[in-house]
Amino acid sequence: MLRSVPPDRQPERTRYYEVLVRAPGTLCLRRYQRERQGEERQSIDLQVTQEVLQRLVRDITATAAAL
């Protein structure tokens, strides 16, 4: 499992991307948010801009290099 580090923190909520490696060559990319007052996270729509994609690639590359 890989997550955005640091997550996107706003006063009312925290949002982050999560990548799950399920089998060799199979990745599942999801975006979650948790309201400041809530305990459970909820899946939300992905918003992938060039900047977000670059950040995801950097996070995945850094994590893979650490393994």
Protein backbone atom coordinates (compact mmCIF):
# COMPACT_ATOMS: atom_id res chain seq x y z
CA MET A 1 0.00 0.00 0.00
CA LEU A 2 1.24 3.46 -0.92
CA ARG A 3 -0.33 6.72 0.23
CA SER A 4 0.20 10.39 -0.53
CA VAL A 5 2.78 11.85 1.83
CA PRO A 6 1.94 14.33 3.11
CA PRO A 7 -1.82 14.13 2.56
CA ASP A 8 -3.76 17.18 1.41
CA ARG A 9 -4.90 18.71 4.71
CA GLN A 10 -7.55 21.39 4.77
CA PRO A 11 -9.30 22.82 7.84
CA GLU A 12 -12.44 20.72 7.29
CA ARG A 13 -11.02 17.52 5.72
CA THR A 14 -8.00 15.45 4.78
CA ARG A 15 -7.65 13.91 1.31
CA TYR A 16 -5.13 11.44 -0.03
CA TYR A 17 -4.46 8.95 -2.80
CA GLU A 18 -3.86 5.29 -2.08
CA VAL A 19 -2.32 2.68 -4.37
CA LEU A 20 -2.82 -1.00 -3.54
CA VAL A 21 -0.60 -3.63 -5.14
CA ARG A 22 -2.86 -6.65 -5.46
CA ALA A 23 -0.88 -9.04 -7.63
CA PRO A 24 2.23 -8.79 -9.78
CA GLY A 25 1.49 -5.99 -12.22
CA THR A 26 -1.94 -5.09 -10.76
CA LEU A 27 -2.41 -1.70 -9.08
CA CYS A 28 -5.57 -0.13 -7.71
CA LEU A 29 -5.53 3.68 -7.42
CA ARG A 30 -8.17 5.36 -5.25
CA ARG A 31 -8.69 8.73 -3.63
CA TYR A 32 -10.12 9.09 -0.12
CA GLN A 33 -11.19 11.84 2.20
CA ARG A 34 -11.94 11.99 5.89
CA GLU A 35 -13.93 14.83 7.37
CA ARG A 36 -12.30 16.49 10.37
CA GLN A 37 -15.20 15.45 12.61
CA GLY A 38 -15.66 12.02 11.02
CA GLU A 39 -13.93 8.77 11.80
CA GLU A 40 -14.53 6.88 8.56
CA ARG A 41 -12.90 7.66 5.25
CA GLN A 42 -14.91 7.73 2.05
CA SER A 43 -13.88 7.07 -1.52
CA ILE A 44 -14.12 10.18 -3.73
CA ASP A 45 -13.57 10.95 -7.41
CA LEU A 46 -10.00 11.13 -8.68
CA GLN A 47 -8.77 14.52 -9.81
CA VAL A 48 -5.66 13.89 -11.86
CA THR A 49 -3.88 16.95 -13.17
CA GLN A 50 -0.35 16.93 -14.50
CA GLU A 51 0.90 18.13 -11.10
CA VAL A 52 -0.98 15.39 -9.23
CA LEU A 53 0.26 12.73 -11.65
CA GLN A 54 3.86 13.90 -11.19
CA ARG A 55 3.45 13.75 -7.40
CA LEU A 56 2.02 10.22 -7.58
CA VAL A 57 4.89 9.06 -9.79
CA ARG A 58 7.43 10.62 -7.36
CA ASP A 59 5.74 8.95 -4.37
CA ILE A 60 5.63 5.53 -6.08
CA THR A 61 9.23 5.83 -7.28
CA ALA A 62 10.50 6.86 -3.83
CA THR A 63 8.67 4.00 -2.16
CA ALA A 64 9.85 1.42 -4.69
CA ALA A 65 13.45 2.61 -4.24
CA ALA A 66 13.15 2.12 -0.47
CA LEU A 67 12.04 -1.53 -0.82
